[in-house]
C-alpha cells in the first residue's frame, strides 16, 4: 500500500457520525479517503461501533478511534450504544445529545495539542 502523502497542509479532522452503522460506515470510508491524502482523523464513536469497524480502518497510523461513552437515558435498554441495539432510535438522539461535554472536551484538548 502506498504511503499517504505527508505535507504541512494536512488537516486533523474530527468525525462524529450519528450512532447508526449506516451512518458510521460511510464516515469511515470518507476517513480512509482523507487519510490516503495524508490527513489525520479522530473518529469519535461508541466502543461497540469501534469493534465492528476497526477492520475497515485502512490507515490505522492516521485514523484513531476515540471511544465515546453513551449515557444511559431512561427508557433505553442498558448498554444501548448504536441504533441497531433498539427498535426505534428516538431516545438514542437524547443520549447522543448528552455526549456534548465529552465531544467538547475532546475537541478542546485536540485543538490545544495541535496549536501548541
PDB file of N, CA and C in Angstrom:
ATOM      1  N   UNK A   1       0.847  -1.170   0.000  1.00  0.00           N
ATOM      2  CA  UNK A   1       0.000   0.000   0.000  1.00  0.00           C
ATOM      3  C   UNK A   1       0.894   1.235   0.000  1.00  0.00           C
ATOM      4  N   UNK A   2       0.548   2.225  -0.778  1.00  0.00           N
ATOM      5  CA  UNK A   2       1.340   3.447  -0.867  1.00  0.00           C
ATOM      6  C   UNK A   2       1.258   4.225   0.435  1.00  0.00           C
ATOM      7  N   UNK A   3       2.342   4.894   0.751  1.00  0.00           N
ATOM      8  CA  UNK A   3       2.388   5.720   1.955  1.00  0.00           C
ATOM      9  C   UNK A   3       1.598   7.005   1.705  1.00  0.00           C
ATOM     10  N   UNK A   4       0.740   7.417   2.664  1.00  0.00           N
ATOM     11  CA  UNK A   4      -0.026   8.639   2.465  1.00  0.00           C
ATOM     12  C   UNK A   4       0.900   9.836   2.271  1.00  0.00           C
ATOM     13  N   UNK A   5       0.456  10.776   1.465  1.00  0.00           N
ATOM     14  CA  UNK A   5       1.207  11.991   1.199  1.00  0.00           C
ATOM     15  C   UNK A   5       1.210  12.869   2.449  1.00  0.00           C
ATOM     16  N   UNK A   6       2.377  13.113   3.016  1.00  0.00           N
ATOM     17  CA  UNK A   6       2.501  13.933   4.213  1.00  0.00           C
ATOM     18  C   UNK A   6       2.987  15.314   3.816  1.00  0.00           C
ATOM     19  N   UNK A   7       2.275  16.358   4.213  1.00  0.00           N
ATOM     20  CA  UNK A   7       2.732  17.713   3.965  1.00  0.00           C
ATOM     21  C   UNK A   7       2.234  18.608   5.081  1.00  0.00           C
ATOM     22  N   UNK A   8       2.760  19.824   5.112  1.00  0.00           N
ATOM     23  CA  UNK A   8       2.356  20.758   6.158  1.00  0.00           C
ATOM     24  C   UNK A   8       0.933  21.269   5.938  1.00  0.00           C
ATOM     25  N   UNK A   9       0.317  20.950   4.795  1.00  0.00           N
ATOM     26  CA  UNK A   9      -1.047  21.383   4.504  1.00  0.00           C
ATOM     27  C   UNK A   9      -2.092  20.374   4.951  1.00  0.00           C
ATOM     28  N   UNK A  10      -1.696  19.342   5.658  1.00  0.00           N
ATOM     29  CA  UNK A  10      -2.640  18.310   6.075  1.00  0.00           C
ATOM     30  C   UNK A  10      -3.441  18.769   7.281  1.00  0.00           C
ATOM     31  N   UNK A  11      -4.641  18.239   7.386  1.00  0.00           N
ATOM     32  CA  UNK A  11      -5.567  18.608   8.447  1.00  0.00           C
ATOM     33  C   UNK A  11      -5.661  17.504   9.495  1.00  0.00           C
ATOM     34  N   UNK A  12      -6.160  17.878  10.670  1.00  0.00           N
ATOM     35  CA  UNK A  12      -6.586  16.918  11.681  1.00  0.00           C
ATOM     36  C   UNK A  12      -8.096  17.096  11.774  1.00  0.00           C
ATOM     37  N   UNK A  13      -8.823  16.056  11.394  1.00  0.00           N
ATOM     38  CA  UNK A  13     -10.270  16.121  11.256  1.00  0.00           C
ATOM     39  C   UNK A  13     -10.929  15.251  12.315  1.00  0.00           C
ATOM     40  N   UNK A  14     -11.962  15.780  12.963  1.00  0.00           N
ATOM     41  CA  UNK A  14     -12.757  15.000  13.910  1.00  0.00           C
ATOM     42  C   UNK A  14     -14.033  14.555  13.219  1.00  0.00           C
ATOM     43  N   UNK A  15     -14.298  13.245  13.250  1.00  0.00           N
ATOM     44  CA  UNK A  15     -15.528  12.669  12.686  1.00  0.00           C
ATOM     45  C   UNK A  15     -16.422  12.242  13.847  1.00  0.00           C
ATOM     46  N   UNK A  16     -17.655  12.713  13.839  1.00  0.00           N
ATOM     47  CA  UNK A  16     -18.621  12.394  14.886  1.00  0.00           C
ATOM     48  C   UNK A  16     -19.959  12.067  14.230  1.00  0.00           C
ATOM     49  N   UNK A  17     -20.079  10.848  13.668  1.00  0.00           N
ATOM     50  CA  UNK A  17     -21.314  10.475  12.963  1.00  0.00           C
ATOM     51  C   UNK A  17     -22.450  10.117  13.922  1.00  0.00           C
ATOM     52  N   UNK A  18     -23.661  10.136  13.395  1.00  0.00           N
ATOM     53  CA  UNK A  18     -24.827   9.623  14.121  1.00  0.00           C
ATOM     54  C   UNK A  18     -24.526   8.165  14.465  1.00  0.00           C
ATOM     55  N   UNK A  19     -24.940   7.720  15.645  1.00  0.00           N
ATOM     56  CA  UNK A  19     -24.587   6.389  16.132  1.00  0.00           C
ATOM     57  C   UNK A  19     -25.465   5.296  15.517  1.00  0.00           C
ATOM     58  N   UNK A  20     -25.388   5.172  14.213  1.00  0.00           N
ATOM     59  CA  UNK A  20     -26.055   4.098  13.469  1.00  0.00           C
ATOM     60  C   UNK A  20     -25.050   3.607  12.445  1.00  0.00           C
ATOM     61  N   UNK A  21     -24.942   2.301  12.285  1.00  0.00           N
ATOM     62  CA  UNK A  21     -23.913   1.739  11.408  1.00  0.00           C
ATOM     63  C   UNK A  21     -24.040   2.256   9.973  1.00  0.00           C
ATOM     64  N   UNK A  22     -25.251   2.527   9.519  1.00  0.00           N
ATOM     65  CA  UNK A  22     -25.457   3.057   8.178  1.00  0.00           C
ATOM     66  C   UNK A  22     -24.912   4.469   8.004  1.00  0.00           C
ATOM     67  N   UNK A  23     -24.658   5.145   9.097  1.00  0.00           N
ATOM     68  CA  UNK A  23     -24.045   6.472   9.065  1.00  0.00           C
ATOM     69  C   UNK A  23     -22.548   6.378   9.356  1.00  0.00           C
ATOM     70  N   UNK A  24     -22.213   5.548  10.324  1.00  0.00           N
ATOM     71  CA  UNK A  24     -20.812   5.437  10.757  1.00  0.00           C
ATOM     72  C   UNK A  24     -19.936   4.863   9.643  1.00  0.00           C
ATOM     73  N   UNK A  25     -20.420   3.840   8.948  1.00  0.00           N
ATOM     74  CA  UNK A  25     -19.615   3.185   7.906  1.00  0.00           C
ATOM     75  C   UNK A  25     -19.211   4.148   6.786  1.00  0.00           C
ATOM     76  N   UNK A  26     -20.126   4.949   6.230  1.00  0.00           N
ATOM     77  CA  UNK A  26     -19.693   5.901   5.194  1.00  0.00           C
ATOM     78  C   UNK A  26     -18.706   6.945   5.734  1.00  0.00           C
ATOM     79  N   UNK A  27     -18.864   7.339   6.991  1.00  0.00           N
ATOM     80  CA  UNK A  27     -17.912   8.269   7.597  1.00  0.00           C
ATOM     81  C   UNK A  27     -16.521   7.642   7.642  1.00  0.00           C
ATOM     82  N   UNK A  28     -16.461   6.339   7.925  1.00  0.00           N
ATOM     83  CA  UNK A  28     -15.164   5.662   7.946  1.00  0.00           C
ATOM     84  C   UNK A  28     -14.595   5.545   6.533  1.00  0.00           C
ATOM     85  N   UNK A  29     -15.447   5.285   5.549  1.00  0.00           N
ATOM     86  CA  UNK A  29     -14.961   5.253   4.160  1.00  0.00           C
ATOM     87  C   UNK A  29     -14.398   6.617   3.759  1.00  0.00           C
ATOM     88  N   UNK A  30     -15.084   7.683   4.127  1.00  0.00           N
ATOM     89  CA  UNK A  30     -14.590   9.035   3.862  1.00  0.00           C
ATOM     90  C   UNK A  30     -13.272   9.267   4.604  1.00  0.00           C
ATOM     91  N   UNK A  31     -13.192   8.801   5.831  1.00  0.00           N
ATOM     92  CA  UNK A  31     -11.952   8.940   6.614  1.00  0.00           C
ATOM     93  C   UNK A  31     -10.792   8.232   5.926  1.00  0.00           C
ATOM     94  N   UNK A  32     -11.052   7.046   5.379  1.00  0.00           N
ATOM     95  CA  UNK A  32      -9.998   6.328   4.650  1.00  0.00           C
ATOM     96  C   UNK A  32      -9.511   7.136   3.450  1.00  0.00           C
ATOM     97  N   UNK A  33     -10.439   7.758   2.731  1.00  0.00           N
ATOM     98  CA  UNK A  33     -10.054   8.583   1.571  1.00  0.00           C
ATOM     99  C   UNK A  33      -9.233   9.795   2.019  1.00  0.00           C
ATOM    100  N   UNK A  34      -9.650  10.435   3.092  1.00  0.00           N
ATOM    101  CA  UNK A  34      -8.913  11.597   3.602  1.00  0.00           C
ATOM    102  C   UNK A  34      -7.537  11.191   4.123  1.00  0.00           C
ATOM    103  N   UNK A  35      -7.468  10.057   4.812  1.00  0.00           N
ATOM    104  CA  UNK A  35      -6.186   9.574   5.328  1.00  0.00           C
ATOM    105  C   UNK A  35      -5.241   9.201   4.188  1.00  0.00           C
ATOM    106  N   UNK A  36      -5.786   8.685   3.094  1.00  0.00           N
ATOM    107  CA  UNK A  36      -4.952   8.349   1.936  1.00  0.00           C
ATOM    108  C   UNK A  36      -4.278   9.595   1.374  1.00  0.00           C
ATOM    109  N   UNK A  37      -4.832  10.750   1.683  1.00  0.00           N
ATOM    110  CA  UNK A  37      -4.246  12.025   1.246  1.00  0.00           C
ATOM    111  C   UNK A  37      -3.388  12.652   2.333  1.00  0.00           C
ATOM    112  N   UNK A  38      -3.169  11.896   3.431  1.00  0.00           N
ATOM    113  CA  UNK A  38      -2.264  12.336   4.488  1.00  0.00           C
ATOM    114  C   UNK A  38      -2.902  13.054   5.649  1.00  0.00           C
ATOM    115  N   UNK A  39      -4.236  13.143   5.686  1.00  0.00           N
ATOM    116  CA  UNK A  39      -4.906  13.839   6.787  1.00  0.00           C
ATOM    117  C   UNK A  39      -5.090  12.900   7.975  1.00  0.00           C
ATOM    118  N   UNK A  40      -4.962  13.450   9.184  1.00  0.00           N
ATOM    119  CA  UNK A  40      -5.210  12.671  10.406  1.00  0.00           C
ATOM    120  C   UNK A  40      -6.683  12.781  10.761  1.00  0.00           C
ATOM    121  N   UNK A  41      -7.249  11.671  11.217  1.00  0.00           N
ATOM    122  CA  UNK A  41      -8.674  11.614  11.554  1.00  0.00           C
ATOM    123  C   UNK A  41      -8.828  11.102  12.985  1.00  0.00           C
ATOM    124  N   UNK A  42      -9.615  11.817  13.779  1.00  0.00           N
ATOM    125  CA  UNK A  42     -10.062  11.326  15.079  1.00  0.00           C
ATOM    126  C   UNK A  42     -11.513  10.920  14.897  1.00  0.00           C
ATOM    127  N   UNK A  43     -11.780   9.637  15.089  1.00  0.00           N
ATOM    128  CA  UNK A  43     -13.090   9.055  14.820  1.00  0.00           C
ATOM    129  C   UNK A  43     -13.775   8.802  16.156  1.00  0.00           C
ATOM    130  N   UNK A  44     -14.824   9.566  16.466  1.00  0.00           N
ATOM    131  CA  UNK A  44     -15.495   9.533  17.764  1.00  0.00           C
ATOM    132  C   UNK A  44     -16.741   8.664  17.686  1.00  0.00           C
ATOM    133  N   UNK A  45     -16.669   7.459  18.264  1.00  0.00           N
ATOM    134  CA  UNK A  45     -17.773   6.501  18.194  1.00  0.00           C
ATOM    135  C   UNK A  45     -17.838   5.681  19.475  1.00  0.00           C
ATOM    136  N   UNK A  46     -18.988   5.036  19.734  1.00  0.00           N
ATOM    137  CA  UNK A  46     -19.079   4.126  20.871  1.00  0.00           C
ATOM    138  C   UNK A  46     -18.197   2.892  20.659  1.00  0.00           C
ATOM    139  N   UNK A  47     -17.843   2.242  21.746  1.00  0.00           N
ATOM    140  CA  UNK A  47     -16.967   1.073  21.716  1.00  0.00           C
ATOM    141  C   UNK A  47     -17.504  -0.017  20.787  1.00  0.00           C
ATOM    142  N   UNK A  48     -18.803  -0.288  20.844  1.00  0.00           N
ATOM    143  CA  UNK A  48     -19.384  -1.352  20.018  1.00  0.00           C
ATOM    144  C   UNK A  48     -19.152  -1.080  18.535  1.00  0.00           C
ATOM    145  N   UNK A  49     -19.349   0.154  18.110  1.00  0.00           N
ATOM    146  CA  UNK A  49     -19.121   0.509  16.711  1.00  0.00           C
ATOM    147  C   UNK A  49     -17.645   0.377  16.353  1.00  0.00           C
ATOM    148  N   UNK A  50     -16.788   0.798  17.265  1.00  0.00           N
ATOM    149  CA  UNK A  50     -15.345   0.693  17.017  1.00  0.00           C
ATOM    150  C   UNK A  50     -14.947  -0.760  16.783  1.00  0.00           C
ATOM    151  N   UNK A  51     -15.435  -1.650  17.612  1.00  0.00           N
ATOM    152  CA  UNK A  51     -15.092  -3.065  17.478  1.00  0.00           C
ATOM    153  C   UNK A  51     -15.598  -3.641  16.154  1.00  0.00           C
ATOM    154  N   UNK A  52     -16.771  -3.193  15.702  1.00  0.00           N
ATOM    155  CA  UNK A  52     -17.341  -3.704  14.456  1.00  0.00           C
ATOM    156  C   UNK A  52     -16.651  -3.151  13.211  1.00  0.00           C
ATOM    157  N   UNK A  53     -16.030  -1.978  13.335  1.00  0.00           N
ATOM    158  CA  UNK A  53     -15.484  -1.305  12.157  1.00  0.00           C
ATOM    159  C   UNK A  53     -13.962  -1.253  12.084  1.00  0.00           C
ATOM    160  N   UNK A  54     -13.304  -1.608  13.135  1.00  0.00           N
ATOM    161  CA  UNK A  54     -11.853  -1.471  13.200  1.00  0.00           C
ATOM    162  C   UNK A  54     -11.149  -2.119  11.997  1.00  0.00           C
ATOM    163  N   UNK A  55     -11.673  -3.235  11.528  1.00  0.00           N
ATOM    164  CA  UNK A  55     -11.047  -3.932  10.402  1.00  0.00           C
ATOM    165  C   UNK A  55     -11.156  -3.150   9.088  1.00  0.00           C
ATOM    166  N   UNK A  56     -12.049  -2.165   9.028  1.00  0.00           N
ATOM    167  CA  UNK A  56     -12.200  -1.340   7.824  1.00  0.00           C
ATOM    168  C   UNK A  56     -11.288  -0.116   7.821  1.00  0.00           C
ATOM    169  N   UNK A  57     -10.564   0.080   8.916  1.00  0.00           N
ATOM    170  CA  UNK A  57      -9.633   1.208   9.019  1.00  0.00           C
ATOM    171  C   UNK A  57      -8.377   0.869   8.211  1.00  0.00           C
ATOM    172  N   UNK A  58      -8.242   1.459   7.043  1.00  0.00           N
ATOM    173  CA  UNK A  58      -7.126   1.157   6.155  1.00  0.00           C
ATOM    174  C   UNK A  58      -5.858   1.934   6.504  1.00  0.00           C
ATOM    175  N   UNK A  59      -5.979   2.898   7.401  1.00  0.00           N
ATOM    176  CA  UNK A  59      -4.839   3.744   7.760  1.00  0.00           C
ATOM    177  C   UNK A  59      -4.781   3.933   9.280  1.00  0.00           C
ATOM    178  N   UNK A  60      -4.526   2.860  10.035  1.00  0.00           N
ATOM    179  CA  UNK A  60      -4.531   2.982  11.496  1.00  0.00           C
ATOM    180  C   UNK A  60      -3.479   3.950  12.038  1.00  0.00           C
ATOM    181  N   UNK A  61      -2.474   4.267  11.227  1.00  0.00           N
ATOM    182  CA  UNK A  61      -1.485   5.251  11.662  1.00  0.00           C
ATOM    183  C   UNK A  61      -2.035   6.675  11.576  1.00  0.00           C
ATOM    184  N   UNK A  62      -3.120   6.879  10.825  1.00  0.00           N
ATOM    185  CA  UNK A  62      -3.702   8.213  10.676  1.00  0.00           C
ATOM    186  C   UNK A  62      -5.140   8.319  11.179  1.00  0.00           C
ATOM    187  N   UNK A  63      -5.848   7.207  11.256  1.00  0.00           N
ATOM    188  CA  UNK A  63      -7.229   7.212  11.753  1.00  0.00           C
ATOM    189  C   UNK A  63      -7.221   6.589  13.142  1.00  0.00           C
ATOM    190  N   UNK A  64      -7.577   7.400  14.122  1.00  0.00           N
ATOM    191  CA  UNK A  64      -7.585   6.947  15.514  1.00  0.00           C
ATOM    192  C   UNK A  64      -9.018   6.946  16.030  1.00  0.00           C
ATOM    193  N   UNK A  65      -9.454   5.799  16.535  1.00  0.00           N
ATOM    194  CA  UNK A  65     -10.775   5.712  17.152  1.00  0.00           C
ATOM    195  C   UNK A  65     -10.689   6.243  18.579  1.00  0.00           C
ATOM    196  N   UNK A  66     -11.679   7.040  18.957  1.00  0.00           N
ATOM    197  CA  UNK A  66     -11.808   7.545  20.324  1.00  0.00           C
ATOM    198  C   UNK A  66     -13.182   7.118  20.813  1.00  0.00           C
ATOM    199  N   UNK A  67     -13.199   6.395  21.920  1.00  0.00           N
ATOM    200  CA  UNK A  67     -14.441   5.840  22.441  1.00  0.00           C
ATOM    201  C   UNK A  67     -15.267   6.910  23.142  1.00  0.00           C
ATOM    202  N   UNK A  68     -16.522   6.993  22.738  1.00  0.00           N
ATOM    203  CA  UNK A  68     -17.496   7.873  23.371  1.00  0.00           C
ATOM    204  C   UNK A  68     -18.404   6.999  24.218  1.00  0.00           C
ATOM    205  N   UNK A  69     -18.591   7.384  25.464  1.00  0.00           N
ATOM    206  CA  UNK A  69     -19.487   6.659  26.357  1.00  0.00           C
ATOM    207  C   UNK A  69     -20.895   7.198  26.153  1.00  0.00           C
ATOM    208  N   UNK A  70     -21.789   6.328  25.760  1.00  0.00           N
ATOM    209  CA  UNK A  70     -23.181   6.730  25.539  1.00  0.00           C
ATOM    210  C   UNK A  70     -23.886   6.700  26.886  1.00  0.00           C
ATOM    211  N   UNK A  71     -24.344   7.863  27.363  1.00  0.00           N
ATOM    212  CA  UNK A  71     -25.005   7.897  28.672  1.00  0.00           C
ATOM    213  C   UNK A  71     -26.332   7.152  28.643  1.00  0.00           C
ATOM    214  N   UNK A  72     -26.694   6.610  29.784  1.00  0.00           N
ATOM    215  CA  UNK A  72     -27.988   5.937  29.874  1.00  0.00           C
ATOM    216  C   UNK A  72     -29.093   6.992  29.926  1.00  0.00           C
ATOM    217  N   UNK A  73     -30.135   6.747  29.186  1.00  0.00           N
ATOM    218  CA  UNK A  73     -31.319   7.603  29.185  1.00  0.00           C
ATOM    219  C   UNK A  73     -32.488   6.721  29.580  1.00  0.00           C
ATOM    220  N   UNK A  74     -33.313   7.230  30.488  1.00  0.00           N
ATOM    221  CA  UNK A  74     -34.468   6.453  30.927  1.00  0.00           C
ATOM    222  C   UNK A  74     -35.305   6.045  29.716  1.00  0.00           C
ATOM    223  N   UNK A  75     -35.622   4.769  29.638  1.00  0.00           N
ATOM    224  CA  UNK A  75     -36.397   4.229  28.533  1.00  0.00           C
ATOM    225  C   UNK A  75     -35.544   3.462  27.535  1.00  0.00           C
ATOM    226  N   UNK A  76     -34.228   3.724  27.549  1.00  0.00           N
ATOM    227  CA  UNK A  76     -33.314   2.970  26.677  1.00  0.00           C
ATOM    228  C   UNK A  76     -32.833   1.734  27.420  1.00  0.00           C
ATOM    229  N   UNK A  77     -32.752   0.603  26.766  1.00  0.00           N
ATOM    230  CA  UNK A  77     -32.188  -0.574  27.425  1.00  0.00           C
ATOM    231  C   UNK A  77     -30.736  -0.297  27.838  1.00  0.00           C
ATOM    232  N   UNK A  78     -30.351  -0.791  28.964  1.00  0.00           N
ATOM    233  CA  UNK A  78     -28.980  -0.623  29.462  1.00  0.00           C
ATOM    234  C   UNK A  78     -27.994  -1.144  28.421  1.00  0.00           C
ATOM    235  N   UNK A  79     -26.930  -0.399  28.185  1.00  0.00           N
ATOM    236  CA  UNK A  79     -25.896  -0.821  27.248  1.00  0.00           C
ATOM    237  C   UNK A  79     -26.152  -0.424  25.802  1.00  0.00           C
ATOM    238  N   UNK A  80     -27.240   0.309  25.530  1.00  0.00           N
ATOM    239  CA  UNK A  80     -27.509   0.755  24.166  1.00  0.00           C
ATOM    240  C   UNK A  80     -26.421   1.726  23.732  1.00  0.00           C
ATOM    241  N   UNK A  81     -25.810   1.446  22.565  1.00  0.00           N
ATOM    242  CA  UNK A  81     -24.781   2.332  22.036  1.00  0.00           C
ATOM    243  C   UNK A  81     -25.046   2.771  20.602  1.00  0.00           C
ATOM    244  N   UNK A  82     -25.663   1.904  19.824  1.00  0.00           N
ATOM    245  CA  UNK A  82     -25.929   2.247  18.423  1.00  0.00           C
ATOM    246  C   UNK A  82     -27.388   1.934  18.103  1.00  0.00           C
ATOM    247  N   UNK A  83     -27.873   2.541  17.022  1.00  0.00           N
ATOM    248  CA  UNK A  83     -29.293   2.440  16.679  1.00  0.00           C
ATOM    249  C   UNK A  83     -29.779   1.009  16.496  1.00  0.00           C
ATOM    250  N   UNK A  84     -28.915   0.116  16.021  1.00  0.00           N
ATOM    251  CA  UNK A  84     -29.351  -1.265  15.800  1.00  0.00           C
ATOM    252  C   UNK A  84     -29.590  -2.025  17.111  1.00  0.00           C
ATOM    253  N   UNK A  85     -29.214  -1.426  18.247  1.00  0.00           N
ATOM    254  CA  UNK A  85     -29.470  -2.056  19.546  1.00  0.00           C
ATOM    255  C   UNK A  85     -30.933  -1.950  19.967  1.00  0.00           C
ATOM    256  N   UNK A  86     -31.700  -1.101  19.290  1.00  0.00           N
ATOM    257  CA  UNK A  86     -33.073  -0.823  19.721  1.00  0.00           C
ATOM    258  C   UNK A  86     -34.003  -0.735  18.515  1.00  0.00           C
ATOM    259  N   UNK A  87     -35.316  -0.935  18.731  1.00  0.00           N
ATOM    260  CA  UNK A  87     -36.251  -0.885  17.604  1.00  0.00           C
ATOM    261  C   UNK A  87     -36.468   0.532  17.062  1.00  0.00           C
ATOM    262  N   UNK A  88     -36.413   1.545  17.892  1.00  0.00           N
ATOM    263  CA  UNK A  88     -36.550   2.937  17.436  1.00  0.00           C
ATOM    264  C   UNK A  88     -35.469   3.767  18.093  1.00  0.00           C
ATOM    265  N   UNK A  89     -34.932   4.701  17.358  1.00  0.00           N
ATOM    266  CA  UNK A  89     -33.769   5.422  17.870  1.00  0.00           C
ATOM    267  C   UNK A  89     -34.090   6.802  18.437  1.00  0.00           C
ATOM    268  N   UNK A  90     -35.359   7.083  18.736  1.00  0.00           N
ATOM    269  CA  UNK A  90     -35.718   8.397  19.244  1.00  0.00           C
ATOM    270  C   UNK A  90     -34.981   8.729  20.543  1.00  0.00           C
ATOM    271  N   UNK A  91     -34.955   7.796  21.475  1.00  0.00           N
ATOM    272  CA  UNK A  91     -34.274   8.057  22.741  1.00  0.00           C
ATOM    273  C   UNK A  91     -32.753   8.093  22.584  1.00  0.00           C
ATOM    274  N   UNK A  92     -32.232   7.421  21.575  1.00  0.00           N
ATOM    275  CA  UNK A  92     -30.794   7.459  21.335  1.00  0.00           C
ATOM    276  C   UNK A  92     -30.346   8.873  20.980  1.00  0.00           C
ATOM    277  N   UNK A  93     -31.205   9.636  20.308  1.00  0.00           N
ATOM    278  CA  UNK A  93     -30.839  11.019  19.982  1.00  0.00           C
ATOM    279  C   UNK A  93     -30.658  11.841  21.246  1.00  0.00           C
ATOM    280  N   UNK A  94     -31.430  11.565  22.278  1.00  0.00           N
ATOM    281  CA  UNK A  94     -31.262  12.251  23.566  1.00  0.00           C
ATOM    282  C   UNK A  94     -29.915  11.867  24.163  1.00  0.00           C
ATOM    283  N   UNK A  95     -29.586  10.573  24.128  1.00  0.00           N
ATOM    284  CA  UNK A  95     -28.298  10.119  24.655  1.00  0.00           C
ATOM    285  C   UNK A  95     -27.144  10.734  23.865  1.00  0.00           C
ATOM    286  N   UNK A  96     -27.286  10.809  22.561  1.00  0.00           N
ATOM    287  CA  UNK A  96     -26.252  11.408  21.721  1.00  0.00           C
ATOM    288  C   UNK A  96     -26.040  12.869  22.102  1.00  0.00           C
ATOM    289  N   UNK A  97     -27.128  13.591  22.340  1.00  0.00           N
ATOM    290  CA  UNK A  97     -27.012  14.984  22.783  1.00  0.00           C
ATOM    291  C   UNK A  97     -26.256  15.091  24.104  1.00  0.00           C
ATOM    292  N   UNK A  98     -26.398  14.081  24.952  1.00  0.00           N
ATOM    293  CA  UNK A  98     -25.742  14.105  26.258  1.00  0.00           C
ATOM    294  C   UNK A  98     -24.241  13.823  26.179  1.00  0.00           C
ATOM    295  N   UNK A  99     -23.735  13.511  25.006  1.00  0.00           N
ATOM    296  CA  UNK A  99     -22.282  13.323  24.845  1.00  0.00           C
ATOM    297  C   UNK A  99     -21.582  14.661  24.592  1.00  0.00           C
ATOM    298  N   UNK A 100     -22.322  15.737  24.580  1.00  0.00           N
ATOM    299  CA  UNK A 100     -21.789  17.061  24.248  1.00  0.00           C
ATOM    300  C   UNK A 100     -20.526  17.397  25.046  1.00  0.00           C
ATOM    301  N   UNK A 101     -20.544  17.196  26.364  1.00  0.00           N
ATOM    302  CA  UNK A 101     -19.371  17.518  27.186  1.00  0.00           C
ATOM    303  C   UNK A 101     -18.157  16.687  26.788  1.00  0.00           C
ATOM    304  N   UNK A 102     -18.365  15.396  26.472  1.00  0.00           N
ATOM    305  CA  UNK A 102     -17.251  14.545  26.034  1.00  0.00           C
ATOM    306  C   UNK A 102     -16.649  15.066  24.728  1.00  0.00           C
ATOM    307  N   UNK A 103     -17.515  15.434  23.800  1.00  0.00           N
ATOM    308  CA  UNK A 103     -17.056  15.901  22.497  1.00  0.00           C
ATOM    309  C   UNK A 103     -16.345  17.238  22.640  1.00  0.00           C
ATOM    310  N   UNK A 104     -16.930  18.164  23.389  1.00  0.00           N
ATOM    311  CA  UNK A 104     -16.288  19.463  23.595  1.00  0.00           C
ATOM    312  C   UNK A 104     -14.936  19.302  24.271  1.00  0.00           C
ATOM    313  N   UNK A 105     -14.872  18.435  25.279  1.00  0.00           N
ATOM    314  CA  UNK A 105     -13.603  18.187  25.968  1.00  0.00           C
ATOM    315  C   UNK A 105     -12.558  17.624  25.029  1.00  0.00           C
ATOM    316  N   UNK A 106     -12.947  16.668  24.212  1.00  0.00           N
ATOM    317  CA  UNK A 106     -12.011  16.077  23.254  1.00  0.00           C
ATOM    318  C   UNK A 106     -11.503  17.140  22.289  1.00  0.00           C
ATOM    319  N   UNK A 107     -12.419  17.940  21.742  1.00  0.00           N
ATOM    320  CA  UNK A 107     -12.032  18.953  20.761  1.00  0.00           C
ATOM    321  C   UNK A 107     -11.125  20.019  21.383  1.00  0.00           C
ATOM    322  N   UNK A 108     -11.405  20.430  22.621  1.00  0.00           N
ATOM    323  CA  UNK A 108     -10.550  21.420  23.287  1.00  0.00           C
ATOM    324  C   UNK A 108      -9.139  20.889  23.468  1.00  0.00           C
ATOM    325  N   UNK A 109      -9.020  19.631  23.888  1.00  0.00           N
ATOM    326  CA  UNK A 109      -7.697  19.024  24.067  1.00  0.00           C
ATOM    327  C   UNK A 109      -6.997  18.893  22.726  1.00  0.00           C
ATOM    328  N   UNK A 110      -7.717  18.447  21.704  1.00  0.00           N
ATOM    329  CA  UNK A 110      -7.124  18.270  20.380  1.00  0.00           C
ATOM    330  C   UNK A 110      -6.623  19.587  19.803  1.00  0.00           C
ATOM    331  N   UNK A 111      -7.407  20.629  19.962  1.00  0.00           N
ATOM    332  CA  UNK A 111      -7.003  21.936  19.441  1.00  0.00           C
ATOM    333  C   UNK A 111      -5.790  22.446  20.209  1.00  0.00           C
ATOM    334  N   UNK A 112      -5.783  22.269  21.529  1.00  0.00           N
ATOM    335  CA  UNK A 112      -4.644  22.718  22.333  1.00  0.00           C
ATOM    336  C   UNK A 112      -3.373  21.993  21.944  1.00  0.00           C
ATOM    337  N   UNK A 113      -3.454  20.698  21.699  1.00  0.00           N
ATOM    338  CA  UNK A 113      -2.275  19.916  21.311  1.00  0.00           C
ATOM    339  C   UNK A 113      -1.817  20.304  19.910  1.00  0.00           C
ATOM    340  N   UNK A 114      -2.764  20.510  19.005  1.00  0.00           N
ATOM    341  CA  UNK A 114      -2.434  20.839  17.615  1.00  0.00           C
ATOM    342  C   UNK A 114      -1.737  22.193  17.517  1.00  0.00           C
ATOM    343  N   UNK A 115      -2.147  23.163  18.315  1.00  0.00           N
ATOM    344  CA  UNK A 115      -1.593  24.507  18.188  1.00  0.00           C
ATOM    345  C   UNK A 115      -0.570  24.833  19.261  1.00  0.00           C
ATOM    346  N   UNK A 116      -0.027  23.834  19.899  1.00  0.00           N
ATOM    347  CA  UNK A 116       0.991  24.016  20.921  1.00  0.00           C
ATOM    348  C   UNK A 116       2.260  24.537  20.340  1.00  0.00           C
TER     349      UNK A 116
END
